Amino acid sequence: MSLFRNIKKAASSVVPSPIQIDFEKGGGRKVQEVAPYPEEVFWDTSVAVHKTPAGIEFVRTPEERFKNLPGYDFEANYVEIDGLRMHYLDEGPKDGPVILMLHGQPVWSYLYRKMIKDLIPKGYRCIAPDMIGMGKSDKPIKEQYHIYDRHCENTLAFVKKLGLKNITAFVQDWGSLIGTRLVGENPELFARLVLANGDLPLLTEKNNPFYIPNPVAVNPKINTIKDIAKYWLKGMPDMFQSWILFCLQHTRNFIGGVMQQSTENKLTDEEMAAYDAPFPSFIYMAGPRTLPSMNVGLLGQQLPAWESLKKFEKPFISFIGLKDNLLGRPSIQEKWINSIPGAKGQDHEQFENANHFIQEDIGEIMADRVHKFIEKNPL
């Protein structure tokens, strides 16, 4: 870790920032130069575009894309949220203790396949939804759909439609920004909280440095995550702003490649293809392209949830993968442990051999730790 910090320090002095951050509201924020290709150039016009009663245009991934995915032999379930079909896994006994597993970007419920298969025999009801725009859920084709508040509302609506209660929430990446806010705002629905490589940033309108270029300009010259790797050495906010731009400007399916870059385990070609499966062409990709931009929408509306979480005395546990330089930092874990009353006396852990997508790297271990956490803290 000290070597990484030294490299990061050296690189910060020589690598130009890919962005110009203007902290003044309305200050004409700009993005690095990109070719202003209209999105429609990359749309597959043979794809049927549907429309909700409210006028939201969306596409639906063909079911054959999900056949024979390795390790994902689960039954599909759906609920309707504002005219859009939301997919979820519901595995294990219906009267078992509920574990709600929330994914982030650019993944979907496929990420939880290892944990689910280990938790089912222990009697748990494992529920893993696909966010609207991801996985087997319907996919609005415009970036404007994907705002933080809407995805929080969608997830709460999902929980209420299923009538879930006494929930153990397992949240990671964007699943944590949504899930921890849900727990803070609706503590009566939740019995326990597991935070794995996650956070709820204390950003407000005054201190949020992130932005979305207007108009969004896609760039076919952007290929792999290596194109922005050097900027990650600069630290925040440049690190994450470069990720926002990378995703927004991308014209090809980058999911499987990003997964391989963000895990310690080597994925098979079939597993990488499974992560790619929901997004056969550009028109399907507004979700994975836009979700990082939801950081721009953190304007302080999440702070009441934080205040509630500071009073959350129900069991809370934190796991981090130390190879994750974004959310696996011990300082983030310490913040949560020191802030949440329910963290006291729990077996928080740090894993040397896990990266950002900890469920992929050590899914079986995560399932074991969640089981032990629930057994230690019965209702």
Protein backbone atom coordinates (compact mmCIF):
# COMPACT_ATOMS: atom_id res chain seq x y z
CA MET A 1 0.00 0.00 0.00
CA SER A 2 2.87 2.37 0.76
CA LEU A 3 4.30 1.68 -2.71
CA PHE A 4 0.97 2.64 -4.27
CA ARG A 5 0.91 5.87 -2.30
CA ASN A 6 4.43 6.71 -3.50
CA ILE A 7 3.49 6.05 -7.12
CA LYS A 8 0.32 8.06 -6.69
CA LYS A 9 2.26 11.00 -5.20
CA ALA A 10 4.80 10.98 -8.01
CA ALA A 11 2.19 10.66 -10.73
CA SER A 12 0.14 13.51 -9.31
CA SER A 13 2.91 15.95 -10.08
CA VAL A 14 3.39 14.91 -13.70
CA VAL A 15 0.04 13.65 -15.02
CA PRO A 16 -2.21 16.44 -16.26
CA SER A 17 -5.77 16.29 -14.99
CA PRO A 18 -8.27 15.08 -17.62
CA ILE A 19 -10.81 17.54 -16.30
CA GLN A 20 -11.35 21.15 -15.46
CA ILE A 21 -13.41 21.39 -12.30
CA ASP A 22 -15.17 24.68 -11.76
CA PHE A 23 -16.56 24.86 -8.24
CA GLU A 24 -18.63 27.94 -9.04
CA LYS A 25 -22.22 27.11 -9.83
CA GLY A 26 -23.02 27.91 -13.44
CA GLY A 27 -19.36 28.49 -14.20
CA GLY A 28 -19.33 26.85 -17.61
CA ARG A 29 -17.92 23.48 -16.62
CA LYS A 30 -16.09 21.79 -19.47
CA VAL A 31 -14.97 18.31 -20.38
CA GLN A 32 -11.80 17.15 -22.11
CA GLU A 33 -12.06 17.41 -25.90
CA VAL A 34 -14.12 14.61 -27.43
CA ALA A 35 -15.60 14.09 -30.86
CA PRO A 36 -19.23 15.28 -30.70
CA TYR A 37 -20.85 12.18 -32.16
CA PRO A 38 -24.63 12.08 -31.70
CA GLU A 39 -25.72 8.99 -29.82
CA GLU A 40 -28.16 7.98 -32.53
CA VAL A 41 -25.22 7.14 -34.81
CA PHE A 42 -24.51 4.12 -32.62
CA TRP A 43 -28.07 2.96 -32.03
CA ASP A 44 -29.19 -0.36 -33.46
CA THR A 45 -32.31 0.69 -35.35
CA SER A 46 -33.52 -2.91 -35.55
CA VAL A 47 -34.18 -2.93 -31.80
CA ALA A 48 -37.79 -2.39 -30.73
CA VAL A 49 -38.14 0.72 -28.57
CA HIS A 50 -41.08 0.66 -26.14
CA LYS A 51 -42.67 3.51 -24.23
CA THR A 52 -44.23 3.65 -20.75
CA PRO A 53 -47.54 5.47 -20.16
CA ALA A 54 -45.44 8.36 -18.83
CA GLY A 55 -43.47 8.48 -22.09
CA ILE A 56 -40.19 6.88 -20.98
CA GLU A 57 -38.59 5.11 -23.96
CA PHE A 58 -36.92 1.81 -23.15
CA VAL A 59 -35.57 -1.40 -24.62
CA ARG A 60 -35.73 -4.95 -23.29
CA THR A 61 -32.80 -7.35 -23.62
CA PRO A 62 -33.77 -10.53 -25.53
CA GLU A 63 -34.12 -13.51 -23.20
CA GLU A 64 -31.77 -15.64 -25.29
CA ARG A 65 -28.88 -13.41 -24.16
CA PHE A 66 -29.22 -14.98 -20.69
CA LYS A 67 -29.25 -18.64 -21.64
CA ASN A 68 -26.58 -20.95 -20.18
CA LEU A 69 -24.74 -18.28 -18.19
CA PRO A 70 -22.19 -20.03 -15.95
CA GLY A 71 -23.40 -20.34 -12.36
CA TYR A 72 -26.64 -18.44 -13.01
CA ASP A 73 -29.36 -21.06 -13.18
CA PHE A 74 -31.92 -19.03 -11.25
CA GLU A 75 -35.60 -18.37 -11.95
CA ALA A 76 -36.46 -14.89 -13.22
CA ASN A 77 -38.98 -12.77 -11.31
CA TYR A 78 -40.39 -9.35 -12.22
CA VAL A 79 -42.27 -6.43 -10.68
CA GLU A 80 -43.43 -3.31 -12.46
CA ILE A 81 -42.09 0.06 -11.33
CA ASP A 82 -43.68 3.07 -13.08
CA GLY A 83 -44.34 1.09 -16.24
CA LEU A 84 -40.89 -0.52 -16.34
CA ARG A 85 -40.20 -4.17 -15.65
CA MET A 86 -37.71 -4.74 -12.83
CA HIS A 87 -36.06 -8.15 -12.60
CA TYR A 88 -35.01 -9.84 -9.39
CA LEU A 89 -33.81 -13.15 -8.00
CA ASP A 90 -35.81 -14.66 -5.15
CA GLU A 91 -34.05 -17.83 -4.05
CA GLY A 92 -34.42 -19.93 -0.93
CA PRO A 93 -37.42 -20.58 1.34
CA LYS A 94 -40.05 -17.83 1.22
CA ASP A 95 -40.30 -17.86 5.02
CA GLY A 96 -36.53 -17.69 5.54
CA PRO A 97 -34.65 -14.66 6.89
CA VAL A 98 -34.45 -12.09 4.09
CA ILE A 99 -31.12 -10.96 2.69
CA LEU A 100 -31.49 -8.09 0.21
CA MET A 101 -28.45 -7.87 -2.09
CA LEU A 102 -27.99 -4.59 -3.93
CA HIS A 103 -25.49 -4.36 -6.80
CA GLY A 104 -23.74 -1.35 -8.24
CA GLN A 105 -22.28 -0.26 -11.58
CA PRO A 106 -21.64 -1.67 -14.16
CA VAL A 107 -22.90 -5.03 -12.90
CA TRP A 108 -26.16 -6.84 -12.17
CA SER A 109 -27.47 -9.71 -10.05
CA TYR A 110 -25.02 -12.10 -11.71
CA LEU A 111 -22.50 -10.68 -9.22
CA TYR A 112 -24.30 -12.40 -6.33
CA ARG A 113 -24.50 -15.92 -7.78
CA LYS A 114 -21.74 -17.33 -5.52
CA MET A 115 -23.15 -15.87 -2.32
CA ILE A 116 -26.70 -16.97 -3.13
CA LYS A 117 -25.73 -20.58 -3.78
CA ASP A 118 -23.94 -20.78 -0.42
CA LEU A 119 -26.69 -19.05 1.55
CA ILE A 120 -29.70 -21.00 0.22
CA PRO A 121 -28.75 -24.27 1.98
CA LYS A 122 -28.57 -22.33 5.26
CA GLY A 123 -32.23 -21.40 4.96
CA TYR A 124 -32.01 -17.79 3.80
CA ARG A 125 -34.30 -16.07 1.33
CA CYS A 126 -31.90 -14.27 -1.00
CA ILE A 127 -33.34 -11.39 -3.01
CA ALA A 128 -31.17 -9.66 -5.61
CA PRO A 129 -32.85 -7.08 -7.87
CA ASP A 130 -31.43 -5.67 -11.08
CA MET A 131 -31.60 -1.88 -11.07
CA ILE A 132 -33.72 -0.41 -13.84
CA GLY A 133 -31.33 -0.10 -16.78
CA MET A 134 -29.20 -3.07 -15.68
CA GLY A 135 -29.27 -6.85 -15.95
CA LYS A 136 -32.58 -8.33 -17.03
CA SER A 137 -34.56 -5.22 -16.07
CA ASP A 138 -35.94 -2.82 -18.68
CA LYS A 139 -33.48 -0.22 -19.97
CA PRO A 140 -34.48 3.41 -20.57
CA ILE A 141 -32.48 4.64 -23.55
CA LYS A 142 -31.85 8.20 -22.33
CA GLU A 143 -29.23 9.16 -19.75
CA GLN A 144 -31.63 11.59 -18.10
CA TYR A 145 -33.55 8.70 -16.54
CA HIS A 146 -30.64 7.69 -14.34
CA ILE A 147 -30.62 10.03 -11.37
CA TYR A 148 -29.81 9.10 -7.79
CA ASP A 149 -33.17 9.96 -6.26
CA ARG A 150 -35.09 7.94 -8.84
CA HIS A 151 -33.05 4.79 -8.24
CA CYS A 152 -33.52 5.21 -4.48
CA GLU A 153 -37.27 5.55 -5.05
CA ASN A 154 -37.30 2.51 -7.35
CA THR A 155 -35.55 0.36 -4.77
CA LEU A 156 -37.87 1.41 -1.96
CA ALA A 157 -40.88 0.75 -4.21
CA PHE A 158 -39.45 -2.70 -4.96
CA VAL A 159 -39.04 -3.51 -1.25
CA LYS A 160 -42.60 -2.40 -0.52
CA LYS A 161 -44.10 -4.31 -3.46
CA LEU A 162 -42.54 -7.51 -2.14
CA GLY A 163 -43.65 -6.70 1.40
CA LEU A 164 -40.17 -7.30 2.80
CA LYS A 165 -39.40 -6.72 6.47
CA ASN A 166 -36.72 -7.63 9.01
CA ILE A 167 -34.29 -7.30 6.12
CA THR A 168 -30.55 -7.89 6.28
CA ALA A 169 -29.19 -5.55 3.61
CA PHE A 170 -25.93 -6.46 1.85
CA VAL A 171 -24.82 -3.40 -0.12
CA GLN A 172 -21.80 -2.59 -2.28
CA ASP A 173 -20.70 0.11 -4.76
CA TRP A 174 -23.79 2.07 -5.94
CA GLY A 175 -25.86 -0.48 -4.07
CA SER A 176 -24.37 1.05 -0.94
CA LEU A 177 -25.22 4.66 -1.83
CA ILE A 178 -28.78 3.55 -2.46
CA GLY A 179 -29.02 0.89 0.25
CA THR A 180 -27.54 2.84 3.16
CA ARG A 181 -29.85 5.75 2.35
CA LEU A 182 -32.80 3.34 2.33
CA VAL A 183 -31.81 1.94 5.71
CA GLY A 184 -31.32 5.42 7.16
CA GLU A 185 -34.67 6.67 5.89
CA ASN A 186 -36.62 3.46 6.60
CA PRO A 187 -34.93 1.80 9.59
CA GLU A 188 -38.16 0.02 10.56
CA LEU A 189 -37.82 -2.24 7.49
CA PHE A 190 -34.30 -3.41 8.26
CA ALA A 191 -32.89 -5.72 10.92
CA ARG A 192 -29.21 -5.57 9.98
CA LEU A 193 -26.83 -3.80 7.60
CA VAL A 194 -23.76 -5.23 5.85
CA LEU A 195 -21.53 -2.71 4.05
CA ALA A 196 -18.94 -4.23 1.70
CA ASN A 197 -16.71 -1.84 -0.26
CA GLY A 198 -19.30 0.90 -0.02
CA ASP A 199 -20.02 4.39 1.28
CA LEU A 200 -22.56 7.20 1.45
CA PRO A 201 -20.54 10.33 0.54
CA LEU A 202 -21.15 13.50 2.53
CA LEU A 203 -21.51 15.62 -0.59
CA THR A 204 -23.70 18.70 -0.81
CA GLU A 205 -24.45 21.30 -3.46
CA LYS A 206 -21.62 23.43 -2.08
CA ASN A 207 -18.84 20.83 -2.01
CA ASN A 208 -19.74 18.42 -4.83
CA PRO A 209 -16.97 18.71 -7.46
CA PHE A 210 -18.44 16.31 -10.03
CA TYR A 211 -20.19 17.28 -13.23
CA ILE A 212 -21.79 15.96 -16.39
CA PRO A 213 -20.75 17.59 -19.67
CA ASN A 214 -23.56 19.27 -21.56
CA PRO A 215 -24.16 18.01 -24.11
CA VAL A 216 -22.86 14.50 -23.46
CA ALA A 217 -20.51 13.60 -26.30
CA VAL A 218 -19.73 9.95 -26.97
CA ASN A 219 -16.26 9.09 -28.21
CA PRO A 220 -15.53 5.91 -30.21
CA LYS A 221 -11.78 6.37 -29.59
CA ILE A 222 -12.15 5.35 -25.94
CA ASN A 223 -11.46 1.63 -25.69
CA THR A 224 -10.49 0.17 -22.31
CA ILE A 225 -10.17 1.22 -18.70
CA LYS A 226 -6.43 1.51 -19.35
CA ASP A 227 -7.21 4.74 -21.22
CA ILE A 228 -7.94 6.42 -17.89
CA ALA A 229 -5.77 4.37 -15.54
CA LYS A 230 -3.14 7.10 -15.21
CA TYR A 231 -5.73 9.53 -13.91
CA TRP A 232 -6.66 7.18 -11.08
CA LEU A 233 -3.23 7.84 -9.62
CA LYS A 234 -4.21 11.45 -9.02
CA GLY A 235 -6.77 10.57 -6.36
CA MET A 236 -10.16 12.14 -5.79
CA PRO A 237 -11.95 13.92 -7.31
CA ASP A 238 -10.04 13.44 -10.59
CA MET A 239 -10.09 9.66 -10.13
CA PHE A 240 -13.85 9.37 -10.13
CA GLN A 241 -14.50 12.23 -12.55
CA SER A 242 -12.39 10.42 -15.14
CA TRP A 243 -14.56 7.34 -14.56
CA ILE A 244 -17.72 9.42 -15.10
CA LEU A 245 -16.34 10.67 -18.41
CA PHE A 246 -15.05 7.24 -19.46
CA CYS A 247 -18.47 5.67 -19.00
CA LEU A 248 -20.49 8.50 -20.53
CA GLN A 249 -18.33 8.69 -23.65
CA HIS A 250 -18.04 4.94 -24.23
CA THR A 251 -19.72 3.47 -27.31
CA ARG A 252 -18.98 -0.24 -26.81
CA ASN A 253 -19.82 -2.81 -24.16
CA PHE A 254 -17.07 -2.45 -21.55
CA ILE A 255 -18.62 -4.40 -18.67
CA GLY A 256 -16.70 -7.68 -18.80
CA GLY A 257 -13.37 -5.92 -19.24
CA VAL A 258 -14.04 -3.61 -16.29
CA MET A 259 -14.98 -6.60 -14.16
CA GLN A 260 -11.66 -8.27 -14.91
CA GLN A 261 -9.80 -5.06 -14.02
CA SER A 262 -11.75 -4.76 -10.76
CA THR A 263 -11.31 -8.29 -9.41
CA GLU A 264 -8.32 -10.31 -8.22
CA ASN A 265 -9.67 -13.60 -9.58
CA LYS A 266 -9.20 -14.25 -13.27
CA LEU A 267 -12.61 -14.47 -14.86
CA THR A 268 -13.25 -16.99 -17.60
CA ASP A 269 -14.28 -15.77 -21.04
CA GLU A 270 -17.74 -17.17 -20.30
CA GLU A 271 -18.03 -15.20 -17.05
CA MET A 272 -16.94 -11.98 -18.74
CA ALA A 273 -19.51 -12.61 -21.47
CA ALA A 274 -22.15 -13.14 -18.78
CA TYR A 275 -21.51 -9.68 -17.35
CA ASP A 276 -21.77 -8.31 -20.91
CA ALA A 277 -24.96 -10.24 -21.68
CA PRO A 278 -27.57 -7.56 -20.77
CA PHE A 279 -26.07 -5.04 -23.20
CA PRO A 280 -25.97 -6.39 -26.77
CA SER A 281 -25.50 -2.94 -28.33
CA PHE A 282 -25.15 0.76 -27.53
CA ILE A 283 -28.87 1.48 -27.27
CA TYR A 284 -29.07 -0.79 -24.20
CA MET A 285 -26.20 0.90 -22.35
CA ALA A 286 -27.57 4.14 -20.88
CA GLY A 287 -27.56 2.53 -17.41
CA PRO A 288 -23.93 1.41 -17.14
CA ARG A 289 -22.81 4.52 -19.01
CA THR A 290 -24.68 6.94 -16.76
CA LEU A 291 -24.82 5.50 -13.22
CA PRO A 292 -21.45 6.98 -12.14
CA SER A 293 -22.85 10.40 -13.06
CA MET A 294 -25.37 10.03 -10.24
CA ASN A 295 -22.60 11.38 -8.02
CA VAL A 296 -23.43 14.76 -9.54
CA GLY A 297 -26.86 14.48 -7.96
CA LEU A 298 -25.56 14.14 -4.40
CA LEU A 299 -26.59 17.57 -3.18
CA GLY A 300 -27.24 16.88 0.48
CA GLN A 301 -30.49 14.91 0.20
CA GLN A 302 -28.65 11.88 1.61
CA LEU A 303 -27.55 13.69 4.79
CA PRO A 304 -30.77 13.02 6.78
CA ALA A 305 -30.13 9.31 6.20
CA TRP A 306 -26.63 9.76 7.62
CA GLU A 307 -28.05 11.42 10.73
CA SER A 308 -30.45 8.52 11.14
CA LEU A 309 -27.66 5.97 10.65
CA LYS A 310 -25.71 7.62 13.45
CA LYS A 311 -28.55 6.43 15.70
CA PHE A 312 -28.81 2.98 14.09
CA GLU A 313 -28.35 0.54 16.96
CA LYS A 314 -29.27 -2.55 15.01
CA PRO A 315 -26.33 -4.78 14.01
CA PHE A 316 -23.96 -3.27 11.45
CA ILE A 317 -20.85 -4.85 9.97
CA SER A 318 -18.25 -3.66 7.46
CA PHE A 319 -16.07 -5.64 5.06
CA ILE A 320 -13.50 -4.18 2.68
CA GLY A 321 -11.21 -5.59 0.02
CA LEU A 322 -7.85 -3.88 0.42
CA LYS A 323 -7.06 -4.14 -3.30
CA ASP A 324 -9.94 -1.70 -3.94
CA ASN A 325 -8.34 1.75 -4.03
CA LEU A 326 -11.72 3.46 -4.35
CA LEU A 327 -13.97 2.10 -1.59
CA GLY A 328 -11.73 -0.46 0.11
CA ARG A 329 -9.81 2.15 2.05
CA PRO A 330 -9.47 1.56 5.81
CA SER A 331 -10.33 5.23 6.43
CA ILE A 332 -13.81 4.68 4.96
CA GLN A 333 -14.34 1.58 7.06
CA GLU A 334 -13.20 3.40 10.20
CA LYS A 335 -15.63 6.25 9.49
CA TRP A 336 -18.55 3.83 9.42
CA ILE A 337 -17.46 1.79 12.44
CA ASN A 338 -17.00 4.95 14.48
CA SER A 339 -20.31 6.47 13.31
CA ILE A 340 -22.82 3.61 13.60
CA PRO A 341 -23.76 2.48 17.14
CA GLY A 342 -24.66 -0.99 15.86
CA ALA A 343 -21.05 -1.53 14.74
CA LYS A 344 -19.90 -2.08 18.32
CA GLY A 345 -18.83 -5.64 19.05
CA GLN A 346 -19.12 -6.84 15.45
CA ASP A 347 -16.43 -8.76 13.55
CA HIS A 348 -15.46 -6.20 10.92
CA GLU A 349 -12.83 -7.46 8.49
CA GLN A 350 -10.35 -6.43 5.83
CA PHE A 351 -9.41 -8.87 3.07
CA GLU A 352 -6.00 -8.69 1.42
CA ASN A 353 -7.04 -10.83 -1.55
CA ALA A 354 -10.18 -8.93 -2.57
CA ASN A 355 -10.69 -6.03 -4.95
CA HIS A 356 -13.67 -3.76 -5.61
CA PHE A 357 -16.15 -6.51 -6.50
CA ILE A 358 -15.62 -8.46 -3.33
CA GLN A 359 -18.59 -10.74 -4.10
CA GLU A 360 -16.77 -12.02 -7.19
CA ASP A 361 -13.38 -12.45 -5.51
CA ILE A 362 -14.50 -14.06 -2.24
CA GLY A 363 -18.21 -14.67 -2.63
CA GLU A 364 -18.15 -17.89 -0.62
CA ILE A 365 -16.31 -16.15 2.23
CA MET A 366 -18.79 -13.27 2.15
CA ALA A 367 -21.67 -15.75 2.39
CA ASP A 368 -20.01 -17.39 5.38
CA ARG A 369 -19.42 -14.05 7.12
CA VAL A 370 -23.00 -12.90 6.51
CA HIS A 371 -24.33 -16.18 7.93
CA LYS A 372 -22.16 -15.83 11.04
CA PHE A 373 -23.18 -12.18 11.42
CA ILE A 374 -26.88 -13.08 11.35
CA GLU A 375 -26.40 -16.00 13.73
CA LYS A 376 -24.52 -13.75 16.16
CA ASN A 377 -27.30 -11.15 16.02
CA PRO A 378 -30.69 -12.93 16.05
CA LEU A 379 -33.94 -10.98 16.02
